[in-house]
Amino acid sequence: MDFEPVVPLDETFDAVLGLEWISLAADKVEATLPLRPHYFTAPGWLQTGIPAAVAETIASTGTARVVIPRGEIAMGQWNQTTVVAAAVGETLSATATVISAGGDQWLWTVQMVDAEGTVVASSQVSIAVRKAPEP
């Protein structure tokens, strides 16, 4: 990371999810998530909240990486996530790509694929960028 997080990464929601960071660039973020049994509904579908949380987390972190060093903060503004297929295997891979970056809002698209390469979920996430509050 190009900044010191306020909360250590191993104590964040990302850690609770089990999110593992693969790459973190200004325009693209990649992470993986182990598919734990409690992430699924009774019929066996991935709970929509899991990929929604992953999408917002990686888009927010990608934005924060750029804006925090400039004295700004990044926070989720809206998140549209759709689960389109059942997840197969033990890991979900997520890739977030910037569509638009600048001003007071960044827009990301996020695709999540399972171990077989099937798209499991797709998201668009808007991240608000605001001036950091005074300490």
C-alpha atoms as a PDB file:
ATOM      1  CA  MET A   1       0.000   0.000   0.000  1.00  0.00           C
ATOM      2  CA  ASP A   2       1.069   3.548  -0.679  1.00  0.00           C
ATOM      3  CA  PHE A   3      -0.508   4.709   2.585  1.00  0.00           C
ATOM      4  CA  GLU A   4      -0.733   3.629   6.175  1.00  0.00           C
ATOM      5  CA  PRO A   5      -4.247   2.317   6.864  1.00  0.00           C
ATOM      6  CA  VAL A   6      -6.016   3.632   9.968  1.00  0.00           C
ATOM      7  CA  VAL A   7      -7.126   0.082  10.808  1.00  0.00           C
ATOM      8  CA  PRO A   8      -4.545  -2.684  10.231  1.00  0.00           C
ATOM      9  CA  LEU A   9      -5.630  -4.782   7.240  1.00  0.00           C
ATOM     10  CA  ASP A  10      -5.691  -7.977   9.305  1.00  0.00           C
ATOM     11  CA  GLU A  11      -8.346  -6.386  11.548  1.00  0.00           C
ATOM     12  CA  THR A  12     -10.690  -5.152   8.785  1.00  0.00           C
ATOM     13  CA  PHE A  13     -13.840  -6.578   7.216  1.00  0.00           C
ATOM     14  CA  ASP A  14     -11.591  -7.749   4.354  1.00  0.00           C
ATOM     15  CA  ALA A  15      -9.841 -10.061   6.807  1.00  0.00           C
ATOM     16  CA  VAL A  16     -13.161 -11.361   8.160  1.00  0.00           C
ATOM     17  CA  LEU A  17     -14.162 -12.225   4.586  1.00  0.00           C
ATOM     18  CA  GLY A  18     -10.790 -13.854   3.979  1.00  0.00           C
ATOM     19  CA  LEU A  19      -9.994 -11.556   1.040  1.00  0.00           C
ATOM     20  CA  GLU A  20      -6.495 -12.038  -0.343  1.00  0.00           C
ATOM     21  CA  TRP A  21      -4.949  -9.177  -2.329  1.00  0.00           C
ATOM     22  CA  ILE A  22      -3.307 -10.149  -5.628  1.00  0.00           C
ATOM     23  CA  SER A  23      -2.562  -6.740  -7.185  1.00  0.00           C
ATOM     24  CA  LEU A  24      -3.428  -3.160  -6.380  1.00  0.00           C
ATOM     25  CA  ALA A  25      -2.876  -0.599  -9.148  1.00  0.00           C
ATOM     26  CA  ALA A  26      -4.445   2.798  -9.809  1.00  0.00           C
ATOM     27  CA  ASP A  27      -6.694   1.419 -12.556  1.00  0.00           C
ATOM     28  CA  LYS A  28      -7.044  -2.283 -11.716  1.00  0.00           C
ATOM     29  CA  VAL A  29      -7.374  -4.293  -8.508  1.00  0.00           C
ATOM     30  CA  GLU A  30      -7.338  -8.073  -8.187  1.00  0.00           C
ATOM     31  CA  ALA A  31      -8.176 -10.232  -5.189  1.00  0.00           C
ATOM     32  CA  THR A  32      -9.307 -13.756  -4.362  1.00  0.00           C
ATOM     33  CA  LEU A  33     -11.781 -15.012  -1.835  1.00  0.00           C
ATOM     34  CA  PRO A  34     -11.990 -18.522  -0.391  1.00  0.00           C
ATOM     35  CA  LEU A  35     -15.531 -19.837  -0.824  1.00  0.00           C
ATOM     36  CA  ARG A  36     -16.514 -20.780   2.709  1.00  0.00           C
ATOM     37  CA  PRO A  37     -19.691 -22.846   3.291  1.00  0.00           C
ATOM     38  CA  HIS A  38     -21.435 -20.042   5.212  1.00  0.00           C
ATOM     39  CA  TYR A  39     -21.238 -17.783   2.116  1.00  0.00           C
ATOM     40  CA  PHE A  40     -23.961 -19.846   0.437  1.00  0.00           C
ATOM     41  CA  THR A  41     -27.751 -19.951   0.721  1.00  0.00           C
ATOM     42  CA  ALA A  42     -29.555 -23.184   1.624  1.00  0.00           C
ATOM     43  CA  PRO A  43     -30.172 -24.035  -2.083  1.00  0.00           C
ATOM     44  CA  GLY A  44     -26.431 -23.664  -2.719  1.00  0.00           C
ATOM     45  CA  TRP A  45     -26.217 -20.250  -4.394  1.00  0.00           C
ATOM     46  CA  LEU A  46     -23.585 -17.752  -3.363  1.00  0.00           C
ATOM     47  CA  GLN A  47     -25.246 -15.155  -1.125  1.00  0.00           C
ATOM     48  CA  THR A  48     -25.394 -11.917  -3.182  1.00  0.00           C
ATOM     49  CA  GLY A  49     -24.024  -9.921  -0.251  1.00  0.00           C
ATOM     50  CA  ILE A  50     -20.656 -11.683  -0.523  1.00  0.00           C
ATOM     51  CA  PRO A  51     -19.746 -10.544  -4.061  1.00  0.00           C
ATOM     52  CA  ALA A  52     -21.310  -7.135  -3.324  1.00  0.00           C
ATOM     53  CA  ALA A  53     -19.005  -6.762  -0.317  1.00  0.00           C
ATOM     54  CA  VAL A  54     -15.990  -7.904  -2.326  1.00  0.00           C
ATOM     55  CA  ALA A  55     -16.800  -5.494  -5.172  1.00  0.00           C
ATOM     56  CA  GLU A  56     -17.168  -2.516  -2.870  1.00  0.00           C
ATOM     57  CA  THR A  57     -14.075  -3.438  -0.885  1.00  0.00           C
ATOM     58  CA  ILE A  58     -11.741  -3.744  -3.847  1.00  0.00           C
ATOM     59  CA  ALA A  59     -13.137  -0.666  -5.631  1.00  0.00           C
ATOM     60  CA  SER A  60     -12.885   1.418  -2.431  1.00  0.00           C
ATOM     61  CA  THR A  61      -9.349   0.198  -1.759  1.00  0.00           C
ATOM     62  CA  GLY A  62      -8.268   0.882  -5.341  1.00  0.00           C
ATOM     63  CA  THR A  63      -9.615   4.415  -5.099  1.00  0.00           C
ATOM     64  CA  ALA A  64      -8.171   4.965  -1.610  1.00  0.00           C
ATOM     65  CA  ARG A  65      -4.724   3.957  -2.816  1.00  0.00           C
ATOM     66  CA  VAL A  66      -4.732   7.023  -5.073  1.00  0.00           C
ATOM     67  CA  VAL A  67      -6.708   9.598  -3.088  1.00  0.00           C
ATOM     68  CA  ILE A  68      -5.505   9.131   0.509  1.00  0.00           C
ATOM     69  CA  PRO A  69      -1.980  10.399  -0.260  1.00  0.00           C
ATOM     70  CA  ARG A  70      -3.637  13.571  -1.658  1.00  0.00           C
ATOM     71  CA  GLY A  71      -5.540  14.210   1.586  1.00  0.00           C
ATOM     72  CA  GLU A  72      -8.855  12.737   0.434  1.00  0.00           C
ATOM     73  CA  ILE A  73     -10.936   9.737   1.480  1.00  0.00           C
ATOM     74  CA  ALA A  74     -12.809   7.116  -0.530  1.00  0.00           C
ATOM     75  CA  MET A  75     -16.169   5.665   0.461  1.00  0.00           C
ATOM     76  CA  GLY A  76     -18.788   3.564  -1.268  1.00  0.00           C
ATOM     77  CA  GLN A  77     -21.550   5.590  -2.898  1.00  0.00           C
ATOM     78  CA  TRP A  78     -23.553   2.867  -4.656  1.00  0.00           C
ATOM     79  CA  ASN A  79     -23.099  -0.752  -5.635  1.00  0.00           C
ATOM     80  CA  GLN A  80     -25.057  -2.762  -8.199  1.00  0.00           C
ATOM     81  CA  THR A  81     -24.112  -6.435  -7.982  1.00  0.00           C
ATOM     82  CA  THR A  82     -25.782  -9.297  -9.794  1.00  0.00           C
ATOM     83  CA  VAL A  83     -25.034 -12.979  -9.196  1.00  0.00           C
ATOM     84  CA  VAL A  84     -25.408 -14.679 -12.582  1.00  0.00           C
ATOM     85  CA  ALA A  85     -24.171 -18.241 -11.982  1.00  0.00           C
ATOM     86  CA  ALA A  86     -23.498 -20.755  -9.250  1.00  0.00           C
ATOM     87  CA  ALA A  87     -19.919 -20.711  -7.961  1.00  0.00           C
ATOM     88  CA  VAL A  88     -17.835 -23.855  -8.487  1.00  0.00           C
ATOM     89  CA  GLY A  89     -14.619 -24.658  -6.656  1.00  0.00           C
ATOM     90  CA  GLU A  90     -12.997 -23.252  -3.565  1.00  0.00           C
ATOM     91  CA  THR A  91     -12.027 -19.735  -4.673  1.00  0.00           C
ATOM     92  CA  LEU A  92     -13.627 -16.693  -6.261  1.00  0.00           C
ATOM     93  CA  SER A  93     -11.330 -14.348  -8.217  1.00  0.00           C
ATOM     94  CA  ALA A  94     -12.339 -10.694  -8.463  1.00  0.00           C
ATOM     95  CA  THR A  95     -11.014  -8.067 -10.850  1.00  0.00           C
ATOM     96  CA  ALA A  96     -12.018  -4.407 -10.568  1.00  0.00           C
ATOM     97  CA  THR A  97     -11.275  -2.052 -13.455  1.00  0.00           C
ATOM     98  CA  VAL A  98     -11.710   1.724 -13.415  1.00  0.00           C
ATOM     99  CA  ILE A  99     -14.246   3.074 -15.885  1.00  0.00           C
ATOM    100  CA  SER A 100     -13.896   6.696 -14.771  1.00  0.00           C
ATOM    101  CA  ALA A 101     -11.567   8.270 -12.222  1.00  0.00           C
ATOM    102  CA  GLY A 102     -11.527  11.868 -11.223  1.00  0.00           C
ATOM    103  CA  GLY A 103     -13.348  14.605  -9.448  1.00  0.00           C
ATOM    104  CA  ASP A 104     -15.516  13.497  -6.572  1.00  0.00           C
ATOM    105  CA  GLN A 105     -16.502  10.062  -7.922  1.00  0.00           C
ATOM    106  CA  TRP A 106     -14.768   6.993  -9.324  1.00  0.00           C
ATOM    107  CA  LEU A 107     -16.694   4.341 -11.239  1.00  0.00           C
ATOM    108  CA  TRP A 108     -15.502   0.725 -11.317  1.00  0.00           C
ATOM    109  CA  THR A 109     -16.664  -2.451 -12.997  1.00  0.00           C
ATOM    110  CA  VAL A 110     -15.985  -5.692 -11.127  1.00  0.00           C
ATOM    111  CA  GLN A 111     -16.118  -9.248 -12.450  1.00  0.00           C
ATOM    112  CA  MET A 112     -15.912 -12.293 -10.231  1.00  0.00           C
ATOM    113  CA  VAL A 113     -15.125 -15.714 -11.660  1.00  0.00           C
ATOM    114  CA  ASP A 114     -14.987 -19.145 -10.077  1.00  0.00           C
ATOM    115  CA  ALA A 115     -12.335 -21.865 -10.363  1.00  0.00           C
ATOM    116  CA  GLU A 116     -13.666 -22.892 -13.794  1.00  0.00           C
ATOM    117  CA  GLY A 117     -13.477 -19.313 -15.144  1.00  0.00           C
ATOM    118  CA  THR A 118     -17.252 -18.875 -15.172  1.00  0.00           C
ATOM    119  CA  VAL A 119     -18.476 -15.359 -14.417  1.00  0.00           C
ATOM    120  CA  VAL A 120     -20.349 -15.739 -11.129  1.00  0.00           C
ATOM    121  CA  ALA A 121     -21.100 -12.082 -10.391  1.00  0.00           C
ATOM    122  CA  SER A 122     -20.790  -8.720 -12.065  1.00  0.00           C
ATOM    123  CA  SER A 123     -20.845  -5.322 -10.382  1.00  0.00           C
ATOM    124  CA  GLN A 124     -20.642  -1.629 -11.018  1.00  0.00           C
ATOM    125  CA  VAL A 125     -19.502   0.369  -8.007  1.00  0.00           C
ATOM    126  CA  SER A 126     -19.343   4.120  -7.503  1.00  0.00           C
ATOM    127  CA  ILE A 127     -16.847   5.408  -4.956  1.00  0.00           C
ATOM    128  CA  ALA A 128     -17.227   8.922  -3.572  1.00  0.00           C
ATOM    129  CA  VAL A 129     -14.045  10.938  -3.064  1.00  0.00           C
ATOM    130  CA  ARG A 130     -14.158  13.584  -0.354  1.00  0.00           C
ATOM    131  CA  LYS A 131     -11.690  15.812   1.471  1.00  0.00           C
ATOM    132  CA  ALA A 132     -10.343  14.015   4.516  1.00  0.00           C
ATOM    133  CA  PRO A 133     -11.640  15.357   7.829  1.00  0.00           C
ATOM    134  CA  GLU A 134      -9.211  17.278   9.995  1.00  0.00           C
ATOM    135  CA  PRO A 135      -7.629  15.063  12.689  1.00  0.00           C
END
